Amino acid sequence: MTQIATVERIIDSNYAEISVPRKSACGHDCEECAGCGVSGASVHAKASNPIDARPGQKVVVESDTKKMLRIVALVYLTPVVLFLLGYLLTAFLSDSVGMQYFVAILGFAAGIAAAIAYDRRLRARGGLSFTIRRLF
C-alpha cells in the first residue's frame, strides 16, 4: 500500500519520522458536507529512509499490504463476526431473546478487546513498517 507523507524529522541515518494524513470514508470534502466536524488528522510513524529524504519533503511511502489487511480485518470484522456468532449460537441453544443479546454483546466486547490487545502488541513491536520509496 502506498501513501503520500511528509518527512517531519530525521531519527538517525536509516530512519525518519513521517506524518501520513489519516484517510477516512468521507474523504474530508468539508465544503460539500460539513457534517462531522473532523479535520484531517495525521498519523506519525517511523519509516526506513533509504533515499535520504530531508525534513519537509513530500515522499511516497509503502507499507506491508498483508499486515494492513490483517489489521483491518481484526479491527472491523472480528467484533461483528463474534457478535453474530454469539447471537446465532445462543438462538439455537436458548429461547431467551435477552440471553441472545447478552451473549452477542459479550462476543462484540471480546472482539474489541482482541483488537485493542493486538494494537498494543503491534505498537510495542514498532507498529507498521513504512519505507520511503521516492520523493513526491
Protein backbone atom coordinates (compact mmCIF):
# COMPACT_ATOMS: atom_id res chain seq x y z
CA MET A 1 0.00 0.00 0.00
CA THR A 2 1.47 3.36 -0.99
CA GLN A 3 0.65 6.73 0.54
CA ILE A 4 1.96 10.26 0.44
CA ALA A 5 3.64 11.51 3.60
CA THR A 6 5.72 14.40 4.86
CA VAL A 7 9.10 13.87 6.48
CA GLU A 8 8.94 15.51 9.91
CA ARG A 9 12.43 14.82 11.24
CA ILE A 10 15.43 12.56 10.81
CA ILE A 11 15.77 9.97 13.60
CA ASP A 12 19.13 8.55 12.53
CA SER A 13 20.97 7.73 9.30
CA ASN A 14 18.49 4.97 8.40
CA TYR A 15 15.13 6.19 9.73
CA ALA A 16 12.92 9.26 9.58
CA GLU A 17 9.71 10.27 11.32
CA ILE A 18 6.90 10.83 8.83
CA SER A 19 3.38 12.16 9.09
CA VAL A 20 0.73 10.44 6.99
CA PRO A 21 -2.67 12.13 6.57
CA ARG A 22 -5.38 9.93 8.06
CA LYS A 23 -7.77 8.61 5.43
CA SER A 24 -11.46 8.16 6.08
CA ALA A 25 -14.51 7.06 4.19
CA CYS A 26 -15.83 10.60 3.82
CA GLY A 27 -12.73 11.92 2.04
CA HIS A 28 -12.87 15.15 4.11
CA ASP A 29 -14.51 17.20 1.39
CA CYS A 30 -15.87 19.51 4.09
CA GLU A 31 -17.14 22.18 1.71
CA GLU A 32 -19.62 19.63 0.39
CA CYS A 33 -20.64 18.01 3.66
CA ALA A 34 -19.73 19.84 6.90
CA GLY A 35 -21.38 17.01 8.80
CA CYS A 36 -18.72 15.53 11.04
CA GLY A 37 -16.56 18.47 12.08
CA VAL A 38 -13.40 16.34 11.92
CA SER A 39 -10.31 17.81 10.35
CA GLY A 40 -7.77 15.65 8.54
CA ALA A 41 -5.51 14.48 11.37
CA SER A 42 -2.10 12.96 10.71
CA VAL A 43 -0.53 9.76 11.95
CA HIS A 44 3.15 9.95 12.89
CA ALA A 45 5.28 6.87 12.20
CA LYS A 46 8.86 5.72 11.86
CA ALA A 47 9.94 4.94 8.29
CA SER A 48 13.01 3.43 6.71
CA ASN A 49 14.77 6.18 4.75
CA PRO A 50 16.92 4.60 2.02
CA ILE A 51 16.68 7.67 -0.26
CA ASP A 52 17.96 10.11 2.39
CA ALA A 53 14.84 12.31 2.36
CA ARG A 54 15.03 15.54 4.38
CA PRO A 55 12.52 17.19 6.76
CA GLY A 56 9.71 19.00 4.98
CA GLN A 57 9.88 16.91 1.82
CA LYS A 58 6.80 15.12 0.50
CA VAL A 59 7.53 11.46 -0.13
CA VAL A 60 5.81 8.30 -1.31
CA VAL A 61 5.85 5.66 1.42
CA GLU A 62 4.99 1.99 1.18
CA SER A 63 3.68 -0.31 3.89
CA ASP A 64 3.09 -4.04 4.03
CA THR A 65 -0.35 -4.62 2.47
CA LYS A 66 -0.79 -8.03 4.11
CA LYS A 67 -0.23 -6.64 7.57
CA MET A 68 -2.57 -3.71 6.84
CA LEU A 69 -5.36 -6.03 5.68
CA ARG A 70 -4.88 -8.20 8.77
CA ILE A 71 -5.28 -5.13 10.98
CA VAL A 72 -8.40 -4.01 9.10
CA ALA A 73 -9.93 -7.48 9.39
CA LEU A 74 -9.19 -7.68 13.08
CA VAL A 75 -10.49 -4.23 13.93
CA TYR A 76 -13.61 -4.21 11.77
CA LEU A 77 -14.60 -7.81 11.09
CA THR A 78 -13.77 -9.68 14.30
CA PRO A 79 -16.19 -7.80 16.59
CA VAL A 80 -19.03 -8.13 14.05
CA VAL A 81 -18.37 -11.82 13.43
CA LEU A 82 -18.22 -12.57 17.17
CA PHE A 83 -21.42 -10.57 17.70
CA LEU A 84 -23.28 -12.56 15.04
CA LEU A 85 -21.77 -15.86 16.17
CA GLY A 86 -22.81 -15.24 19.76
CA TYR A 87 -26.31 -14.26 18.72
CA LEU A 88 -26.86 -17.18 16.34
CA LEU A 89 -25.35 -19.87 18.58
CA THR A 90 -27.44 -18.70 21.52
CA ALA A 91 -30.54 -18.64 19.30
CA PHE A 92 -30.06 -22.36 18.64
CA LEU A 93 -29.38 -23.20 22.29
CA SER A 94 -31.87 -20.96 24.09
CA ASP A 95 -35.29 -19.41 23.53
CA SER A 96 -34.42 -16.37 25.64
CA VAL A 97 -34.01 -13.28 23.48
CA GLY A 98 -32.37 -11.48 26.37
CA MET A 99 -29.72 -14.19 26.57
CA GLN A 100 -29.15 -13.92 22.81
CA TYR A 101 -28.49 -10.19 23.10
CA PHE A 102 -26.31 -10.65 26.17
CA VAL A 103 -24.06 -13.26 24.52
CA ALA A 104 -23.93 -11.23 21.29
CA ILE A 105 -22.76 -8.16 23.21
CA LEU A 106 -20.16 -10.29 25.05
CA GLY A 107 -18.91 -11.51 21.67
CA PHE A 108 -18.67 -7.96 20.36
CA ALA A 109 -16.79 -6.86 23.50
CA ALA A 110 -14.39 -9.81 23.10
CA GLY A 111 -13.71 -8.70 19.51
CA ILE A 112 -12.98 -5.14 20.64
CA ALA A 113 -10.70 -6.46 23.42
CA ALA A 114 -8.82 -8.59 20.88
CA ALA A 115 -8.35 -5.56 18.61
CA ILE A 116 -7.05 -3.44 21.49
CA ALA A 117 -4.65 -6.19 22.61
CA TYR A 118 -3.35 -6.60 19.05
CA ASP A 119 -2.89 -2.83 18.70
CA ARG A 120 -0.85 -2.69 21.92
CA ARG A 121 1.29 -5.63 20.84
CA LEU A 122 1.83 -4.08 17.41
CA ARG A 123 2.86 -0.74 18.93
CA ALA A 124 5.28 -2.48 21.30
CA ARG A 125 6.93 -4.12 18.28
CA GLY A 126 7.25 -0.84 16.42
CA GLY A 127 3.90 -0.60 14.62
CA LEU A 128 3.51 -0.79 10.88
CA SER A 129 6.71 -0.67 8.92
CA PHE A 130 6.92 2.08 6.34
CA THR A 131 9.59 2.51 3.70
CA ILE A 132 10.21 5.78 1.86
CA ARG A 133 10.34 4.85 -1.82
CA ARG A 134 10.77 8.18 -3.63
CA LEU A 135 10.15 11.91 -3.48
CA PHE A 136 6.66 13.02 -4.41
